[in-house]
Amino acid sequence: MPVPDTPPRPPTQARNPLHGLTLEQILQALADHYGWPGLAERIAVRCFSHDPSIASSLKFLRKTPWARDKVESLYLFMLRERSRSARPD
């Protein structure tokens, strides 16, 4: 007996802009957009202001949930900022 076709389930994370991104991708996008000095101004953590690198920042952010939350929030803010500036007036 054949199995009836079931309708595809909608993705549960369809509207989550962070879905499918690694912390490294988010951090690289922020560093490219703001630069390390800009990141240090927006999020006051030592890994952004003293000898910054992706590797050292990832190590810190993976151990520090509050800092990771700030980085993810800044990434979402950056996306909103970009979409606003891309809109025609």
N, C-alpha and C. Protein backbone atom coordinates (compact mmCIF):
# COMPACT_ATOMS: atom_id res chain seq x y z
N MET A 1 0.86 -1.18 0.00
CA MET A 1 0.00 0.00 0.00
C MET A 1 0.90 1.24 0.00
N PRO A 2 0.71 2.17 -0.93
CA PRO A 2 1.56 3.37 -0.98
C PRO A 2 1.25 4.33 0.17
N VAL A 3 2.28 5.03 0.58
CA VAL A 3 2.14 6.02 1.65
C VAL A 3 1.59 7.31 1.04
N PRO A 4 0.52 7.85 1.63
CA PRO A 4 -0.04 9.08 1.07
C PRO A 4 0.97 10.23 1.23
N ASP A 5 0.96 11.11 0.24
CA ASP A 5 1.84 12.28 0.32
C ASP A 5 1.39 13.18 1.45
N THR A 6 2.33 13.58 2.27
CA THR A 6 2.01 14.51 3.33
C THR A 6 2.52 15.89 2.91
N PRO A 7 1.77 16.90 3.26
CA PRO A 7 2.22 18.24 2.88
C PRO A 7 3.52 18.58 3.61
N PRO A 8 4.40 19.31 2.96
CA PRO A 8 5.66 19.66 3.63
C PRO A 8 5.40 20.58 4.81
N ARG A 9 6.16 20.37 5.84
CA ARG A 9 6.04 21.22 7.03
C ARG A 9 6.78 22.52 6.79
N PRO A 10 6.19 23.61 7.24
CA PRO A 10 6.92 24.88 7.08
C PRO A 10 8.14 24.87 7.99
N PRO A 11 9.23 25.48 7.54
CA PRO A 11 10.42 25.51 8.41
C PRO A 11 10.12 26.26 9.70
N THR A 12 10.60 25.73 10.80
CA THR A 12 10.31 26.34 12.09
C THR A 12 11.11 27.62 12.31
N GLN A 13 12.20 27.78 11.59
CA GLN A 13 13.05 28.95 11.77
C GLN A 13 13.02 29.88 10.55
N ALA A 14 11.97 29.82 9.78
CA ALA A 14 11.92 30.56 8.51
C ALA A 14 12.16 32.05 8.66
N ARG A 15 11.71 32.63 9.73
CA ARG A 15 11.83 34.08 9.89
C ARG A 15 12.95 34.49 10.84
N ASN A 16 13.77 33.55 11.25
CA ASN A 16 14.88 33.83 12.16
C ASN A 16 16.13 34.13 11.33
N PRO A 17 16.59 35.39 11.30
CA PRO A 17 17.76 35.71 10.48
C PRO A 17 19.06 35.09 10.98
N LEU A 18 19.07 34.58 12.20
CA LEU A 18 20.27 33.93 12.72
C LEU A 18 20.33 32.44 12.38
N HIS A 19 19.21 31.90 11.92
CA HIS A 19 19.15 30.47 11.64
C HIS A 19 20.13 30.10 10.52
N GLY A 20 20.94 29.10 10.78
CA GLY A 20 21.87 28.61 9.78
C GLY A 20 23.21 29.34 9.76
N LEU A 21 23.35 30.36 10.58
CA LEU A 21 24.62 31.09 10.64
C LEU A 21 25.43 30.61 11.83
N THR A 22 26.72 30.53 11.62
CA THR A 22 27.60 30.20 12.74
C THR A 22 28.00 31.49 13.44
N LEU A 23 28.46 31.34 14.65
CA LEU A 23 28.94 32.49 15.40
C LEU A 23 30.11 33.14 14.65
N GLU A 24 30.93 32.33 14.03
CA GLU A 24 32.06 32.86 13.26
C GLU A 24 31.58 33.73 12.09
N GLN A 25 30.55 33.29 11.39
CA GLN A 25 30.01 34.08 10.27
C GLN A 25 29.44 35.41 10.77
N ILE A 26 28.75 35.37 11.89
CA ILE A 26 28.16 36.59 12.46
C ILE A 26 29.27 37.55 12.86
N LEU A 27 30.27 37.04 13.55
CA LEU A 27 31.38 37.87 14.01
C LEU A 27 32.16 38.46 12.83
N GLN A 28 32.38 37.67 11.79
CA GLN A 28 33.10 38.16 10.62
C GLN A 28 32.31 39.27 9.93
N ALA A 29 31.00 39.10 9.83
CA ALA A 29 30.17 40.13 9.20
C ALA A 29 30.22 41.43 10.01
N LEU A 30 30.18 41.32 11.33
CA LEU A 30 30.25 42.51 12.18
C LEU A 30 31.62 43.18 12.08
N ALA A 31 32.68 42.39 12.08
CA ALA A 31 34.03 42.95 11.97
C ALA A 31 34.22 43.63 10.61
N ASP A 32 33.66 43.05 9.56
CA ASP A 32 33.74 43.67 8.23
C ASP A 32 32.95 44.97 8.17
N HIS A 33 31.80 44.98 8.82
CA HIS A 33 30.92 46.16 8.76
C HIS A 33 31.41 47.30 9.66
N TYR A 34 31.70 46.99 10.90
CA TYR A 34 32.05 48.02 11.88
C TYR A 34 33.56 48.17 12.09
N GLY A 35 34.33 47.11 11.80
CA GLY A 35 35.75 47.10 12.14
C GLY A 35 35.90 46.77 13.62
N TRP A 36 37.09 46.36 14.01
CA TRP A 36 37.31 46.00 15.42
C TRP A 36 37.12 47.20 16.35
N PRO A 37 37.61 48.39 15.98
CA PRO A 37 37.37 49.54 16.88
C PRO A 37 35.87 49.84 17.05
N GLY A 38 35.11 49.72 15.97
CA GLY A 38 33.67 49.94 16.05
C GLY A 38 32.97 48.90 16.91
N LEU A 39 33.42 47.66 16.82
CA LEU A 39 32.86 46.62 17.67
C LEU A 39 33.16 46.89 19.13
N ALA A 40 34.41 47.32 19.40
CA ALA A 40 34.81 47.61 20.79
C ALA A 40 33.99 48.77 21.36
N GLU A 41 33.63 49.74 20.52
CA GLU A 41 32.79 50.86 20.99
C GLU A 41 31.38 50.39 21.32
N ARG A 42 30.86 49.50 20.51
CA ARG A 42 29.47 49.06 20.68
C ARG A 42 29.30 47.98 21.74
N ILE A 43 30.31 47.12 21.88
CA ILE A 43 30.26 46.04 22.87
C ILE A 43 31.60 46.09 23.61
N ALA A 44 31.54 46.50 24.85
CA ALA A 44 32.77 46.72 25.63
C ALA A 44 33.30 45.40 26.20
N VAL A 45 33.98 44.66 25.36
CA VAL A 45 34.67 43.46 25.82
C VAL A 45 36.12 43.52 25.33
N ARG A 46 36.99 43.03 26.14
CA ARG A 46 38.43 43.14 25.88
C ARG A 46 38.86 42.45 24.58
N CYS A 47 38.19 41.36 24.22
CA CYS A 47 38.60 40.62 23.02
C CYS A 47 38.39 41.44 21.74
N PHE A 48 37.60 42.52 21.80
CA PHE A 48 37.41 43.38 20.64
C PHE A 48 38.36 44.57 20.65
N SER A 49 38.91 44.91 21.81
CA SER A 49 39.71 46.13 21.90
C SER A 49 41.21 45.87 22.06
N HIS A 50 41.61 44.74 22.55
CA HIS A 50 43.03 44.45 22.78
C HIS A 50 43.46 43.25 21.94
N ASP A 51 44.23 43.51 20.91
CA ASP A 51 44.72 42.48 20.00
C ASP A 51 43.59 41.58 19.50
N PRO A 52 42.58 42.18 18.84
CA PRO A 52 41.41 41.40 18.43
C PRO A 52 41.70 40.43 17.29
N SER A 53 41.01 39.31 17.35
CA SER A 53 41.05 38.34 16.26
C SER A 53 39.76 37.52 16.33
N ILE A 54 39.44 36.91 15.21
CA ILE A 54 38.25 36.06 15.18
C ILE A 54 38.41 34.91 16.17
N ALA A 55 39.57 34.27 16.17
CA ALA A 55 39.78 33.09 17.03
C ALA A 55 39.64 33.43 18.51
N SER A 56 40.28 34.52 18.95
CA SER A 56 40.20 34.85 20.38
C SER A 56 38.79 35.30 20.76
N SER A 57 38.13 36.00 19.85
CA SER A 57 36.76 36.45 20.13
C SER A 57 35.81 35.27 20.20
N LEU A 58 35.96 34.31 19.30
CA LEU A 58 35.10 33.13 19.33
C LEU A 58 35.29 32.35 20.63
N LYS A 59 36.52 32.21 21.06
CA LYS A 59 36.79 31.49 22.30
C LYS A 59 36.08 32.16 23.48
N PHE A 60 36.17 33.49 23.55
CA PHE A 60 35.51 34.23 24.62
C PHE A 60 33.98 34.14 24.51
N LEU A 61 33.46 34.36 23.31
CA LEU A 61 32.01 34.41 23.14
C LEU A 61 31.35 33.06 23.39
N ARG A 62 32.03 31.98 23.09
CA ARG A 62 31.46 30.66 23.33
C ARG A 62 31.36 30.34 24.82
N LYS A 63 32.18 31.00 25.62
CA LYS A 63 32.15 30.77 27.07
C LYS A 63 31.30 31.79 27.82
N THR A 64 30.87 32.85 27.13
CA THR A 64 30.22 33.98 27.80
C THR A 64 28.87 34.28 27.15
N PRO A 65 27.80 33.67 27.66
CA PRO A 65 26.49 33.83 27.02
C PRO A 65 26.02 35.29 26.90
N TRP A 66 26.26 36.12 27.91
CA TRP A 66 25.77 37.51 27.83
C TRP A 66 26.46 38.26 26.71
N ALA A 67 27.74 37.97 26.47
CA ALA A 67 28.47 38.65 25.39
C ALA A 67 27.99 38.14 24.03
N ARG A 68 27.73 36.85 23.94
CA ARG A 68 27.21 36.29 22.69
C ARG A 68 25.85 36.91 22.37
N ASP A 69 25.01 37.07 23.37
CA ASP A 69 23.70 37.71 23.16
C ASP A 69 23.87 39.12 22.61
N LYS A 70 24.83 39.86 23.13
CA LYS A 70 25.08 41.21 22.65
C LYS A 70 25.55 41.21 21.20
N VAL A 71 26.41 40.26 20.86
CA VAL A 71 26.90 40.15 19.48
C VAL A 71 25.75 39.81 18.54
N GLU A 72 24.91 38.87 18.93
CA GLU A 72 23.77 38.50 18.09
C GLU A 72 22.79 39.67 17.95
N SER A 73 22.57 40.42 19.02
CA SER A 73 21.70 41.59 18.95
C SER A 73 22.27 42.66 18.03
N LEU A 74 23.58 42.87 18.11
CA LEU A 74 24.22 43.86 17.24
C LEU A 74 24.13 43.41 15.79
N TYR A 75 24.24 42.12 15.53
CA TYR A 75 24.12 41.61 14.16
C TYR A 75 22.71 41.88 13.63
N LEU A 76 21.70 41.62 14.44
CA LEU A 76 20.32 41.88 14.01
C LEU A 76 20.11 43.37 13.77
N PHE A 77 20.69 44.22 14.62
CA PHE A 77 20.61 45.67 14.43
C PHE A 77 21.27 46.06 13.11
N MET A 78 22.43 45.47 12.81
CA MET A 78 23.13 45.76 11.57
C MET A 78 22.28 45.37 10.36
N LEU A 79 21.61 44.23 10.43
CA LEU A 79 20.74 43.81 9.33
C LEU A 79 19.59 44.79 9.13
N ARG A 80 18.98 45.25 10.23
CA ARG A 80 17.89 46.23 10.13
C ARG A 80 18.40 47.54 9.53
N GLU A 81 19.59 47.96 9.98
CA GLU A 81 20.20 49.18 9.49
C GLU A 81 20.44 49.11 7.98
N ARG A 82 20.96 47.98 7.52
CA ARG A 82 21.22 47.78 6.10
C ARG A 82 19.92 47.79 5.28
N SER A 83 18.89 47.13 5.80
CA SER A 83 17.65 47.07 5.05
C SER A 83 16.99 48.46 4.98
N ARG A 84 17.12 49.25 6.03
CA ARG A 84 16.58 50.62 6.01
C ARG A 84 17.31 51.49 5.01
N SER A 85 18.63 51.36 4.97
CA SER A 85 19.39 52.19 4.06
C SER A 85 19.23 51.75 2.60
N ALA A 86 18.82 50.52 2.38
CA ALA A 86 18.62 50.02 1.02
C ALA A 86 17.27 50.42 0.45
N ARG A 87 16.34 50.81 1.31
CA ARG A 87 15.01 51.20 0.84
C ARG A 87 15.05 52.55 0.13
N PRO A 88 14.34 52.64 -0.97
CA PRO A 88 14.25 53.96 -1.61
C PRO A 88 13.34 54.88 -0.80
N ASP A 89 13.68 56.13 -0.75
CA ASP A 89 12.87 57.08 0.03
C ASP A 89 11.69 57.60 -0.75
